[in-house]
Each structure stands twice: as structure tokens, then as C-alpha cells.
């Protein structure tokens, strides 16, 4: 289990995604759940 507090720092968010191999652009790939149109990161969110 990992977690991230989204701040107004895109570099920190990108570093987190890189550390856990999460690709926001890959969400539409066949292996990801297809009902994810609302998913996006925003400042003040806990991931």
C-alpha cells in the first residue's frame, strides 16, 4: 500500500507515479478498468 498527498507540485506527483510505475495516460489500456472517466488528480486529494 502506498499513498500520496497531492500538492501544487507536479514534479512531486510525477516522482510518485514513477516510483510506483503508474501511468495516468495508460488508463484507457485494455488491462485497466474502463469506467474511469472521472479519475484525475487534484491538489488536496489523498491518493
ModelCIF file with pLDDT and N, C-alpha, C, O atoms, coordinates in Angstrom:
data_MODEL
#
_entry.id   MODEL 
#
_entity.id                         1 
_entity.type                       polymer 
_entity.pdbx_number_of_molecules   1 
#
_entity_poly.entity_id                      1 
_entity_poly.type                           'polypeptide(L)' 
_entity_poly.nstd_linkage                   no 
_entity_poly.nstd_monomer                   no 
_entity_poly.pdbx_seq_one_letter_code       
;(UNK)(UNK)(UNK)(UNK)(UNK)(UNK)(UNK)(UNK)(UNK)(UNK)(UNK)(UNK)(UNK)(UNK)(UNK)(UNK)
(UNK)(UNK)(UNK)(UNK)(UNK)(UNK)(UNK)(UNK)(UNK)(UNK)(UNK)(UNK)(UNK)(UNK)(UNK)(UNK)
(UNK)(UNK)(UNK)(UNK)(UNK)(UNK)(UNK)(UNK)(UNK)(UNK)(UNK)(UNK)(UNK)(UNK)(UNK)
;
_entity_poly.pdbx_seq_one_letter_code_can   XXXXXXXXXXXXXXXXXXXXXXXXXXXXXXXXXXXXXXXXXXXXXXX 
_entity_poly.pdbx_strand_id                 A 
#
loop_
_entity_poly_seq.entity_id 
_entity_poly_seq.num 
_entity_poly_seq.mon_id 
_entity_poly_seq.hetero 
1 1  UNK n 
1 2  UNK n 
1 3  UNK n 
1 4  UNK n 
1 5  UNK n 
1 6  UNK n 
1 7  UNK n 
1 8  UNK n 
1 9  UNK n 
1 10 UNK n 
1 11 UNK n 
1 12 UNK n 
1 13 UNK n 
1 14 UNK n 
1 15 UNK n 
1 16 UNK n 
1 17 UNK n 
1 18 UNK n 
1 19 UNK n 
1 20 UNK n 
1 21 UNK n 
1 22 UNK n 
1 23 UNK n 
1 24 UNK n 
1 25 UNK n 
1 26 UNK n 
1 27 UNK n 
1 28 UNK n 
1 29 UNK n 
1 30 UNK n 
1 31 UNK n 
1 32 UNK n 
1 33 UNK n 
1 34 UNK n 
1 35 UNK n 
1 36 UNK n 
1 37 UNK n 
1 38 UNK n 
1 39 UNK n 
1 40 UNK n 
1 41 UNK n 
1 42 UNK n 
1 43 UNK n 
1 44 UNK n 
1 45 UNK n 
1 46 UNK n 
1 47 UNK n 
#
_struct_asym.id          A 
_struct_asym.entity_id   1 
#
loop_
_ma_qa_metric.id 
_ma_qa_metric.mode 
_ma_qa_metric.name 
_ma_qa_metric.software_group_id 
_ma_qa_metric.type 
1 global pLDDT . pLDDT 
2 local  pLDDT . pLDDT 
#
_ma_qa_metric_global.metric_id      1 
_ma_qa_metric_global.metric_value   78.72 
_ma_qa_metric_global.model_id       1 
_ma_qa_metric_global.ordinal_id     1 
#
loop_
_ma_qa_metric_local.label_asym_id 
_ma_qa_metric_local.label_comp_id 
_ma_qa_metric_local.label_seq_id 
_ma_qa_metric_local.metric_id 
_ma_qa_metric_local.metric_value 
_ma_qa_metric_local.model_id 
_ma_qa_metric_local.ordinal_id 
A UNK 1  2 96.00 1 1  
A UNK 2  2 94.00 1 2  
A UNK 3  2 94.00 1 3  
A UNK 4  2 93.00 1 4  
A UNK 5  2 92.00 1 5  
A UNK 6  2 91.00 1 6  
A UNK 7  2 89.00 1 7  
A UNK 8  2 85.00 1 8  
A UNK 9  2 83.00 1 9  
A UNK 10 2 85.00 1 10 
A UNK 11 2 86.00 1 11 
A UNK 12 2 87.00 1 12 
A UNK 13 2 87.00 1 13 
A UNK 14 2 89.00 1 14 
A UNK 15 2 87.00 1 15 
A UNK 16 2 88.00 1 16 
A UNK 17 2 89.00 1 17 
A UNK 18 2 88.00 1 18 
A UNK 19 2 87.00 1 19 
A UNK 20 2 88.00 1 20 
A UNK 21 2 86.00 1 21 
A UNK 22 2 85.00 1 22 
A UNK 23 2 76.00 1 23 
A UNK 24 2 69.00 1 24 
A UNK 25 2 66.00 1 25 
A UNK 26 2 66.00 1 26 
A UNK 27 2 60.00 1 27 
A UNK 28 2 59.00 1 28 
A UNK 29 2 61.00 1 29 
A UNK 30 2 57.00 1 30 
A UNK 31 2 61.00 1 31 
A UNK 32 2 63.00 1 32 
A UNK 33 2 60.00 1 33 
A UNK 34 2 53.00 1 34 
A UNK 35 2 57.00 1 35 
A UNK 36 2 55.00 1 36 
A UNK 37 2 57.00 1 37 
A UNK 38 2 61.00 1 38 
A UNK 39 2 66.00 1 39 
A UNK 40 2 75.00 1 40 
A UNK 41 2 83.00 1 41 
A UNK 42 2 87.00 1 42 
A UNK 43 2 88.00 1 43 
A UNK 44 2 90.00 1 44 
A UNK 45 2 92.00 1 45 
A UNK 46 2 95.00 1 46 
A UNK 47 2 94.00 1 47 
#
loop_
_atom_site.group_PDB 
_atom_site.id 
_atom_site.type_symbol 
_atom_site.label_atom_id 
_atom_site.label_alt_id 
_atom_site.label_comp_id 
_atom_site.label_asym_id 
_atom_site.label_entity_id 
_atom_site.label_seq_id 
_atom_site.pdbx_PDB_ins_code 
_atom_site.Cartn_x 
_atom_site.Cartn_y 
_atom_site.Cartn_z 
_atom_site.occupancy 
_atom_site.B_iso_or_equiv 
_atom_site.pdbx_formal_charge 
_atom_site.auth_seq_id 
_atom_site.auth_comp_id 
_atom_site.auth_asym_id 
_atom_site.auth_atom_id 
_atom_site.pdbx_PDB_model_num 
ATOM 1   N N  . UNK A 1 1  ? 0.843   -1.189 0.000   1.00 96.00 ? 1  UNK A N  1 
ATOM 2   C CA . UNK A 1 1  ? 0.000   0.000  0.000   1.00 96.00 ? 1  UNK A CA 1 
ATOM 3   C C  . UNK A 1 1  ? 0.881   1.243  0.000   1.00 96.00 ? 1  UNK A C  1 
ATOM 4   O O  . UNK A 1 1  ? 1.808   1.363  0.801   1.00 96.00 ? 1  UNK A O  1 
ATOM 5   N N  . UNK A 1 2  ? 0.576   2.170  -0.916  1.00 94.00 ? 2  UNK A N  1 
ATOM 6   C CA . UNK A 1 2  ? 1.272   3.457  -0.952  1.00 94.00 ? 2  UNK A CA 1 
ATOM 7   C C  . UNK A 1 2  ? 0.223   4.565  -0.939  1.00 94.00 ? 2  UNK A C  1 
ATOM 8   O O  . UNK A 1 2  ? -0.967  4.303  -1.118  1.00 94.00 ? 2  UNK A O  1 
ATOM 9   N N  . UNK A 1 3  ? 0.662   5.786  -0.730  1.00 94.00 ? 3  UNK A N  1 
ATOM 10  C CA . UNK A 1 3  ? -0.251  6.921  -0.657  1.00 94.00 ? 3  UNK A CA 1 
ATOM 11  C C  . UNK A 1 3  ? 0.503   8.187  -1.052  1.00 94.00 ? 3  UNK A C  1 
ATOM 12  O O  . UNK A 1 3  ? 1.732   8.245  -1.003  1.00 94.00 ? 3  UNK A O  1 
ATOM 13  N N  . UNK A 1 4  ? -0.264  9.190  -1.442  1.00 93.00 ? 4  UNK A N  1 
ATOM 14  C CA . UNK A 1 4  ? 0.338   10.455 -1.856  1.00 93.00 ? 4  UNK A CA 1 
ATOM 15  C C  . UNK A 1 4  ? -0.641  11.591 -1.581  1.00 93.00 ? 4  UNK A C  1 
ATOM 16  O O  . UNK A 1 4  ? -1.813  11.503 -1.946  1.00 93.00 ? 4  UNK A O  1 
ATOM 17  N N  . UNK A 1 5  ? -0.168  12.647 -0.944  1.00 92.00 ? 5  UNK A N  1 
ATOM 18  C CA . UNK A 1 5  ? -0.957  13.863 -0.775  1.00 92.00 ? 5  UNK A CA 1 
ATOM 19  C C  . UNK A 1 5  ? -0.638  14.773 -1.952  1.00 92.00 ? 5  UNK A C  1 
ATOM 20  O O  . UNK A 1 5  ? 0.498   15.223 -2.103  1.00 92.00 ? 5  UNK A O  1 
ATOM 21  N N  . UNK A 1 6  ? -1.629  15.044 -2.781  1.00 91.00 ? 6  UNK A N  1 
ATOM 22  C CA . UNK A 1 6  ? -1.409  15.853 -3.974  1.00 91.00 ? 6  UNK A CA 1 
ATOM 23  C C  . UNK A 1 6  ? -1.301  17.322 -3.570  1.00 91.00 ? 6  UNK A C  1 
ATOM 24  O O  . UNK A 1 6  ? -2.188  17.877 -2.921  1.00 91.00 ? 6  UNK A O  1 
ATOM 25  N N  . UNK A 1 7  ? -0.204  17.926 -3.970  1.00 89.00 ? 7  UNK A N  1 
ATOM 26  C CA . UNK A 1 7  ? 0.033   19.342 -3.704  1.00 89.00 ? 7  UNK A CA 1 
ATOM 27  C C  . UNK A 1 7  ? 0.145   20.062 -5.042  1.00 89.00 ? 7  UNK A C  1 
ATOM 28  O O  . UNK A 1 7  ? -0.020  19.447 -6.096  1.00 89.00 ? 7  UNK A O  1 
ATOM 29  N N  . UNK A 1 8  ? 0.418   21.329 -5.005  1.00 85.00 ? 8  UNK A N  1 
ATOM 30  C CA . UNK A 1 8  ? 0.609   22.093 -6.254  1.00 85.00 ? 8  UNK A CA 1 
ATOM 31  C C  . UNK A 1 8  ? 2.036   21.934 -6.742  1.00 85.00 ? 8  UNK A C  1 
ATOM 32  O O  . UNK A 1 8  ? 2.705   22.919 -7.056  1.00 85.00 ? 8  UNK A O  1 
ATOM 33  N N  . UNK A 1 9  ? 2.504   20.687 -6.806  1.00 83.00 ? 9  UNK A N  1 
ATOM 34  C CA . UNK A 1 9  ? 3.868   20.401 -7.218  1.00 83.00 ? 9  UNK A CA 1 
ATOM 35  C C  . UNK A 1 9  ? 3.838   19.230 -8.203  1.00 83.00 ? 9  UNK A C  1 
ATOM 36  O O  . UNK A 1 9  ? 3.921   18.074 -7.787  1.00 83.00 ? 9  UNK A O  1 
ATOM 37  N N  . UNK A 1 10 ? 3.720   19.516 -9.501  1.00 85.00 ? 10 UNK A N  1 
ATOM 38  C CA . UNK A 1 10 ? 3.636   18.430 -10.483 1.00 85.00 ? 10 UNK A CA 1 
ATOM 39  C C  . UNK A 1 10 ? 4.863   17.525 -10.492 1.00 85.00 ? 10 UNK A C  1 
ATOM 40  O O  . UNK A 1 10 ? 4.744   16.340 -10.803 1.00 85.00 ? 10 UNK A O  1 
ATOM 41  N N  . UNK A 1 11 ? 6.037   18.054 -10.158 1.00 86.00 ? 11 UNK A N  1 
ATOM 42  C CA . UNK A 1 11 ? 7.247   17.216 -10.147 1.00 86.00 ? 11 UNK A CA 1 
ATOM 43  C C  . UNK A 1 11 ? 7.155   16.142 -9.070  1.00 86.00 ? 11 UNK A C  1 
ATOM 44  O O  . UNK A 1 11 ? 7.565   15.003 -9.291  1.00 86.00 ? 11 UNK A O  1 
ATOM 45  N N  . UNK A 1 12 ? 6.616   16.501 -7.899  1.00 87.00 ? 12 UNK A N  1 
ATOM 46  C CA . UNK A 1 12 ? 6.470   15.535 -6.812  1.00 87.00 ? 12 UNK A CA 1 
ATOM 47  C C  . UNK A 1 12 ? 5.466   14.448 -7.190  1.00 87.00 ? 12 UNK A C  1 
ATOM 48  O O  . UNK A 1 12 ? 5.688   13.271 -6.908  1.00 87.00 ? 12 UNK A O  1 
ATOM 49  N N  . UNK A 1 13 ? 4.365   14.840 -7.827  1.00 87.00 ? 13 UNK A N  1 
ATOM 50  C CA . UNK A 1 13 ? 3.352   13.877 -8.277  1.00 87.00 ? 13 UNK A CA 1 
ATOM 51  C C  . UNK A 1 13 ? 3.940   12.945 -9.335  1.00 87.00 ? 13 UNK A C  1 
ATOM 52  O O  . UNK A 1 13 ? 3.695   11.739 -9.299  1.00 87.00 ? 13 UNK A O  1 
ATOM 53  N N  . UNK A 1 14 ? 4.704   13.485 -10.266 1.00 89.00 ? 14 UNK A N  1 
ATOM 54  C CA . UNK A 1 14 ? 5.340   12.660 -11.295 1.00 89.00 ? 14 UNK A CA 1 
ATOM 55  C C  . UNK A 1 14 ? 6.366   11.706 -10.677 1.00 89.00 ? 14 UNK A C  1 
ATOM 56  O O  . UNK A 1 14 ? 6.485   10.560 -11.111 1.00 89.00 ? 14 UNK A O  1 
ATOM 57  N N  . UNK A 1 15 ? 7.104   12.172 -9.669  1.00 87.00 ? 15 UNK A N  1 
ATOM 58  C CA . UNK A 1 15 ? 8.077   11.304 -8.996  1.00 87.00 ? 15 UNK A CA 1 
ATOM 59  C C  . UNK A 1 15 ? 7.364   10.148 -8.296  1.00 87.00 ? 15 UNK A C  1 
ATOM 60  O O  . UNK A 1 15 ? 7.839   9.013  -8.322  1.00 87.00 ? 15 UNK A O  1 
ATOM 61  N N  . UNK A 1 16 ? 6.233   10.438 -7.678  1.00 88.00 ? 16 UNK A N  1 
ATOM 62  C CA . UNK A 1 16 ? 5.445   9.385  -7.029  1.00 88.00 ? 16 UNK A CA 1 
ATOM 63  C C  . UNK A 1 16 ? 4.965   8.369  -8.064  1.00 88.00 ? 16 UNK A C  1 
ATOM 64  O O  . UNK A 1 16 ? 5.127   7.163  -7.875  1.00 88.00 ? 16 UNK A O  1 
ATOM 65  N N  . UNK A 1 17 ? 4.375   8.856  -9.159  1.00 89.00 ? 17 UNK A N  1 
ATOM 66  C CA . UNK A 1 17 ? 3.903   7.948  -10.203 1.00 89.00 ? 17 UNK A CA 1 
ATOM 67  C C  . UNK A 1 17 ? 5.032   7.089  -10.760 1.00 89.00 ? 17 UNK A C  1 
ATOM 68  O O  . UNK A 1 17 ? 4.846   5.902  -11.024 1.00 89.00 ? 17 UNK A O  1 
ATOM 69  N N  . UNK A 1 18 ? 6.195   7.691  -10.934 1.00 88.00 ? 18 UNK A N  1 
ATOM 70  C CA . UNK A 1 18 ? 7.354   6.950  -11.444 1.00 88.00 ? 18 UNK A CA 1 
ATOM 71  C C  . UNK A 1 18 ? 7.800   5.876  -10.441 1.00 88.00 ? 18 UNK A C  1 
ATOM 72  O O  . UNK A 1 18 ? 8.167   4.769  -10.835 1.00 88.00 ? 18 UNK A O  1 
ATOM 73  N N  . UNK A 1 19 ? 7.765   6.209  -9.144  1.00 87.00 ? 19 UNK A N  1 
ATOM 74  C CA . UNK A 1 19 ? 8.199   5.258  -8.108  1.00 87.00 ? 19 UNK A CA 1 
ATOM 75  C C  . UNK A 1 19 ? 7.304   4.035  -8.053  1.00 87.00 ? 19 UNK A C  1 
ATOM 76  O O  . UNK A 1 19 ? 7.771   2.947  -7.713  1.00 87.00 ? 19 UNK A O  1 
ATOM 77  N N  . UNK A 1 20 ? 6.019   4.190  -8.382  1.00 88.00 ? 20 UNK A N  1 
ATOM 78  C CA . UNK A 1 20 ? 5.091   3.053  -8.310  1.00 88.00 ? 20 UNK A CA 1 
ATOM 79  C C  . UNK A 1 20 ? 4.642   2.581  -9.695  1.00 88.00 ? 20 UNK A C  1 
ATOM 80  O O  . UNK A 1 20 ? 3.707   1.789  -9.815  1.00 88.00 ? 20 UNK A O  1 
ATOM 81  N N  . UNK A 1 21 ? 5.311   3.072  -10.735 1.00 86.00 ? 21 UNK A N  1 
ATOM 82  C CA . UNK A 1 21 ? 5.034   2.686  -12.124 1.00 86.00 ? 21 UNK A CA 1 
ATOM 83  C C  . UNK A 1 21 ? 3.559   2.853  -12.493 1.00 86.00 ? 21 UNK A C  1 
ATOM 84  O O  . UNK A 1 21 ? 2.944   1.957  -13.071 1.00 86.00 ? 21 UNK A O  1 
ATOM 85  N N  . UNK A 1 22 ? 3.009   4.014  -12.149 1.00 85.00 ? 22 UNK A N  1 
ATOM 86  C CA . UNK A 1 22 ? 1.639   4.341  -12.533 1.00 85.00 ? 22 UNK A CA 1 
ATOM 87  C C  . UNK A 1 22 ? 1.680   5.300  -13.709 1.00 85.00 ? 22 UNK A C  1 
ATOM 88  O O  . UNK A 1 22 ? 2.373   6.316  -13.670 1.00 85.00 ? 22 UNK A O  1 
ATOM 89  N N  . UNK A 1 23 ? 0.938   4.974  -14.747 1.00 76.00 ? 23 UNK A N  1 
ATOM 90  C CA . UNK A 1 23 ? 0.918   5.792  -15.960 1.00 76.00 ? 23 UNK A CA 1 
ATOM 91  C C  . UNK A 1 23 ? -0.481  6.372  -16.146 1.00 76.00 ? 23 UNK A C  1 
ATOM 92  O O  . UNK A 1 23 ? -1.383  5.662  -16.591 1.00 76.00 ? 23 UNK A O  1 
ATOM 93  N N  . UNK A 1 24 ? -0.681  7.657  -15.812 1.00 69.00 ? 24 UNK A N  1 
ATOM 94  C CA . UNK A 1 24 ? -2.017  8.254  -15.978 1.00 69.00 ? 24 UNK A CA 1 
ATOM 95  C C  . UNK A 1 24 ? -2.522  8.176  -17.414 1.00 69.00 ? 24 UNK A C  1 
ATOM 96  O O  . UNK A 1 24 ? -3.729  8.088  -17.639 1.00 69.00 ? 24 UNK A O  1 
ATOM 97  N N  . UNK A 1 25 ? -1.616  8.209  -18.388 1.00 66.00 ? 25 UNK A N  1 
ATOM 98  C CA . UNK A 1 25 ? -2.013  8.158  -19.786 1.00 66.00 ? 25 UNK A CA 1 
ATOM 99  C C  . UNK A 1 25 ? -2.406  6.751  -20.238 1.00 66.00 ? 25 UNK A C  1 
ATOM 100 O O  . UNK A 1 25 ? -2.980  6.577  -21.313 1.00 66.00 ? 25 UNK A O  1 
ATOM 101 N N  . UNK A 1 26 ? -2.094  5.750  -19.414 1.00 66.00 ? 26 UNK A N  1 
ATOM 102 C CA . UNK A 1 26 ? -2.383  4.363  -19.780 1.00 66.00 ? 26 UNK A CA 1 
ATOM 103 C C  . UNK A 1 26 ? -3.740  3.887  -19.274 1.00 66.00 ? 26 UNK A C  1 
ATOM 104 O O  . UNK A 1 26 ? -4.090  2.724  -19.473 1.00 66.00 ? 26 UNK A O  1 
ATOM 105 N N  . UNK A 1 27 ? -4.509  4.758  -18.625 1.00 60.00 ? 27 UNK A N  1 
ATOM 106 C CA . UNK A 1 27 ? -5.765  4.335  -18.017 1.00 60.00 ? 27 UNK A CA 1 
ATOM 107 C C  . UNK A 1 27 ? -6.763  3.760  -19.011 1.00 60.00 ? 27 UNK A C  1 
ATOM 108 O O  . UNK A 1 27 ? -7.649  3.001  -18.619 1.00 60.00 ? 27 UNK A O  1 
ATOM 109 N N  . UNK A 1 28 ? -6.641  4.098  -20.261 1.00 59.00 ? 28 UNK A N  1 
ATOM 110 C CA . UNK A 1 28 ? -7.565  3.573  -21.265 1.00 59.00 ? 28 UNK A CA 1 
ATOM 111 C C  . UNK A 1 28 ? -7.102  2.239  -21.848 1.00 59.00 ? 28 UNK A C  1 
ATOM 112 O O  . UNK A 1 28 ? -7.764  1.677  -22.720 1.00 59.00 ? 28 UNK A O  1 
ATOM 113 N N  . UNK A 1 29 ? -5.984  1.744  -21.374 1.00 61.00 ? 29 UNK A N  1 
ATOM 114 C CA . UNK A 1 29 ? -5.469  0.459  -21.878 1.00 61.00 ? 29 UNK A CA 1 
ATOM 115 C C  . UNK A 1 29 ? -6.434  -0.669 -21.509 1.00 61.00 ? 29 UNK A C  1 
ATOM 116 O O  . UNK A 1 29 ? -7.225  -0.541 -20.574 1.00 61.00 ? 29 UNK A O  1 
ATOM 117 N N  . UNK A 1 30 ? -6.361  -1.749 -22.240 1.00 57.00 ? 30 UNK A N  1 
ATOM 118 C CA . UNK A 1 30 ? -7.282  -2.870 -22.043 1.00 57.00 ? 30 UNK A CA 1 
ATOM 119 C C  . UNK A 1 30 ? -7.210  -3.487 -20.661 1.00 57.00 ? 30 UNK A C  1 
ATOM 120 O O  . UNK A 1 30 ? -8.203  -4.038 -20.188 1.00 57.00 ? 30 UNK A O  1 
ATOM 121 N N  . UNK A 1 31 ? -6.075  -3.413 -20.006 1.00 61.00 ? 31 UNK A N  1 
ATOM 122 C CA . UNK A 1 31 ? -5.950  -4.061 -18.699 1.00 61.00 ? 31 UNK A CA 1 
ATOM 123 C C  . UNK A 1 31 ? -6.445  -3.182 -17.555 1.00 61.00 ? 31 UNK A C  1 
ATOM 124 O O  . UNK A 1 31 ? -6.505  -3.636 -16.413 1.00 61.00 ? 31 UNK A O  1 
ATOM 125 N N  . UNK A 1 32 ? -6.796  -1.944 -17.841 1.00 63.00 ? 32 UNK A N  1 
ATOM 126 C CA . UNK A 1 32 ? -7.345  -1.071 -16.801 1.00 63.00 ? 32 UNK A CA 1 
ATOM 127 C C  . UNK A 1 32 ? -8.853  -1.042 -16.923 1.00 63.00 ? 32 UNK A C  1 
ATOM 128 O O  . UNK A 1 32 ? -9.397  -1.088 -18.026 1.00 63.00 ? 32 UNK A O  1 
ATOM 129 N N  . UNK A 1 33 ? -9.523  -0.966 -15.792 1.00 60.00 ? 33 UNK A N  1 
ATOM 130 C CA . UNK A 1 33 ? -10.972 -0.846 -15.740 1.00 60.00 ? 33 UNK A CA 1 
ATOM 131 C C  . UNK A 1 33 ? -11.407 0.278  -16.674 1.00 60.00 ? 33 UNK A C  1 
ATOM 132 O O  . UNK A 1 33 ? -10.785 1.341  -16.685 1.00 60.00 ? 33 UNK A O  1 
ATOM 133 N N  . UNK A 1 34 ? -12.438 0.068  -17.438 1.00 53.00 ? 34 UNK A N  1 
ATOM 134 C CA . UNK A 1 34 ? -12.835 1.030  -18.462 1.00 53.00 ? 34 UNK A CA 1 
ATOM 135 C C  . UNK A 1 34 ? -13.701 2.178  -17.929 1.00 53.00 ? 34 UNK A C  1 
ATOM 136 O O  . UNK A 1 34 ? -13.763 3.233  -18.560 1.00 53.00 ? 34 UNK A O  1 
ATOM 137 N N  . UNK A 1 35 ? -14.361 2.001  -16.798 1.00 57.00 ? 35 UNK A N  1 
ATOM 138 C CA . UNK A 1 35 ? -15.243 3.035  -16.252 1.00 57.00 ? 35 UNK A CA 1 
ATOM 139 C C  . UNK A 1 35 ? -14.447 3.967  -15.350 1.00 57.00 ? 35 UNK A C  1 
ATOM 140 O O  . UNK A 1 35 ? -14.682 4.018  -14.142 1.00 57.00 ? 35 UNK A O  1 
ATOM 141 N N  . UNK A 1 36 ? -13.508 4.704  -15.933 1.00 55.00 ? 36 UNK A N  1 
ATOM 142 C CA . UNK A 1 36 ? -12.631 5.553  -15.129 1.00 55.00 ? 36 UNK A CA 1 
ATOM 143 C C  . UNK A 1 36 ? -12.561 6.977  -15.680 1.00 55.00 ? 36 UNK A C  1 
ATOM 144 O O  . UNK A 1 36 ? -11.558 7.664  -15.488 1.00 55.00 ? 36 UNK A O  1 
ATOM 145 N N  . UNK A 1 37 ? -13.601 7.418  -16.352 1.00 57.00 ? 37 UNK A N  1 
ATOM 146 C CA . UNK A 1 37 ? -13.590 8.739  -16.969 1.00 57.00 ? 37 UNK A CA 1 
ATOM 147 C C  . UNK A 1 37 ? -13.455 9.874  -15.959 1.00 57.00 ? 37 UNK A C  1 
ATOM 148 O O  . UNK A 1 37 ? -12.971 10.949 -16.311 1.00 57.00 ? 37 UNK A O  1 
ATOM 149 N N  . UNK A 1 38 ? -13.871 9.659  -14.719 1.00 61.00 ? 38 UNK A N  1 
ATOM 150 C CA . UNK A 1 38 ? -13.820 10.705 -13.706 1.00 61.00 ? 38 UNK A CA 1 
ATOM 151 C C  . UNK A 1 38 ? -12.479 10.772 -12.983 1.00 61.00 ? 38 UNK A C  1 
ATOM 152 O O  . UNK A 1 38 ? -12.250 11.697 -12.203 1.00 61.00 ? 38 UNK A O  1 
ATOM 153 N N  . UNK A 1 39 ? -11.593 9.817  -13.224 1.00 66.00 ? 39 UNK A N  1 
ATOM 154 C CA . UNK A 1 39 ? -10.362 9.769  -12.444 1.00 66.00 ? 39 UNK A CA 1 
ATOM 155 C C  . UNK A 1 39 ? -9.393  10.848 -12.886 1.00 66.00 ? 39 UNK A C  1 
ATOM 156 O O  . UNK A 1 39 ? -9.024  10.920 -14.058 1.00 66.00 ? 39 UNK A O  1 
ATOM 157 N N  . UNK A 1 40 ? -8.980  11.687 -11.945 1.00 75.00 ? 40 UNK A N  1 
ATOM 158 C CA . UNK A 1 40 ? -7.908  12.648 -12.161 1.00 75.00 ? 40 UNK A CA 1 
ATOM 159 C C  . UNK A 1 40 ? -7.376  13.093 -10.801 1.00 75.00 ? 40 UNK A C  1 
ATOM 160 O O  . UNK A 1 40 ? -8.088  13.042 -9.798  1.00 75.00 ? 40 UNK A O  1 
ATOM 161 N N  . UNK A 1 41 ? -6.139  13.521 -10.780 1.00 83.00 ? 41 UNK A N  1 
ATOM 162 C CA . UNK A 1 41 ? -5.521  14.009 -9.545  1.00 83.00 ? 41 UNK A CA 1 
ATOM 163 C C  . UNK A 1 41 ? -5.803  15.497 -9.401  1.00 83.00 ? 41 UNK A C  1 
ATOM 164 O O  . UNK A 1 41 ? -5.907  16.216 -10.395 1.00 83.00 ? 41 UNK A O  1 
ATOM 165 N N  . UNK A 1 42 ? -5.925  15.951 -8.167  1.00 87.00 ? 42 UNK A N  1 
ATOM 166 C CA . UNK A 1 42 ? -6.173  17.364 -7.893  1.00 87.00 ? 42 UNK A CA 1 
ATOM 167 C C  . UNK A 1 42 ? -5.541  17.735 -6.563  1.00 87.00 ? 42 UNK A C  1 
ATOM 168 O O  . UNK A 1 42 ? -5.466  16.900 -5.662  1.00 87.00 ? 42 UNK A O  1 
ATOM 169 N N  . UNK A 1 43 ? -5.083  18.981 -6.424  1.00 88.00 ? 43 UNK A N  1 
ATOM 170 C CA . UNK A 1 43 ? -4.467  19.420 -5.163  1.00 88.00 ? 43 UNK A CA 1 
ATOM 171 C C  . UNK A 1 43 ? -5.430  19.229 -3.988  1.00 88.00 ? 43 UNK A C  1 
ATOM 172 O O  . UNK A 1 43 ? -6.623  19.512 -4.091  1.00 88.00 ? 43 UNK A O  1 
ATOM 173 N N  . UNK A 1 44 ? -4.885  18.744 -2.877  1.00 90.00 ? 44 UNK A N  1 
ATOM 174 C CA . UNK A 1 44 ? -5.686  18.492 -1.684  1.00 90.00 ? 44 UNK A CA 1 
ATOM 175 C C  . UNK A 1 44 ? -6.264  17.091 -1.629  1.00 90.00 ? 44 UNK A C  1 
ATOM 176 O O  . UNK A 1 44 ? -6.927  16.728 -0.657  1.00 90.00 ? 44 UNK A O  1 
ATOM 177 N N  . UNK A 1 45 ? -6.018  16.298 -2.671  1.00 92.00 ? 45 UNK A N  1 
ATOM 178 C CA . UNK A 1 45 ? -6.524  14.935 -2.688  1.00 92.00 ? 45 UNK A CA 1 
ATOM 179 C C  . UNK A 1 45 ? -5.522  13.965 -2.076  1.00 92.00 ? 45 UNK A C  1 
ATOM 180 O O  . UNK A 1 45 ? -4.310  14.132 -2.218  1.00 92.00 ? 45 UNK A O  1 
ATOM 181 N N  . UNK A 1 46 ? -6.038  12.962 -1.404  1.00 95.00 ? 46 UNK A N  1 
ATOM 182 C CA . UNK A 1 46 ? -5.213  11.861 -0.901  1.00 95.00 ? 46 UNK A CA 1 
ATOM 183 C C  . UNK A 1 46 ? -5.381  10.707 -1.873  1.00 95.00 ? 46 UNK A C  1 
ATOM 184 O O  . UNK A 1 46 ? -6.499  10.257 -2.125  1.00 95.00 ? 46 UNK A O  1 
ATOM 185 N N  . UNK A 1 47 ? -4.275  10.229 -2.415  1.00 94.00 ? 47 UNK A N  1 
ATOM 186 C CA . UNK A 1 47 ? -4.274  9.076  -3.321  1.00 94.00 ? 47 UNK A CA 1 
ATOM 187 C C  . UNK A 1 47 ? -3.797  7.863  -2.538  1.00 94.00 ? 47 UNK A C  1 
ATOM 188 O O  . UNK A 1 47 ? -3.711  6.766  -3.091  1.00 94.00 ? 47 UNK A O  1 
#
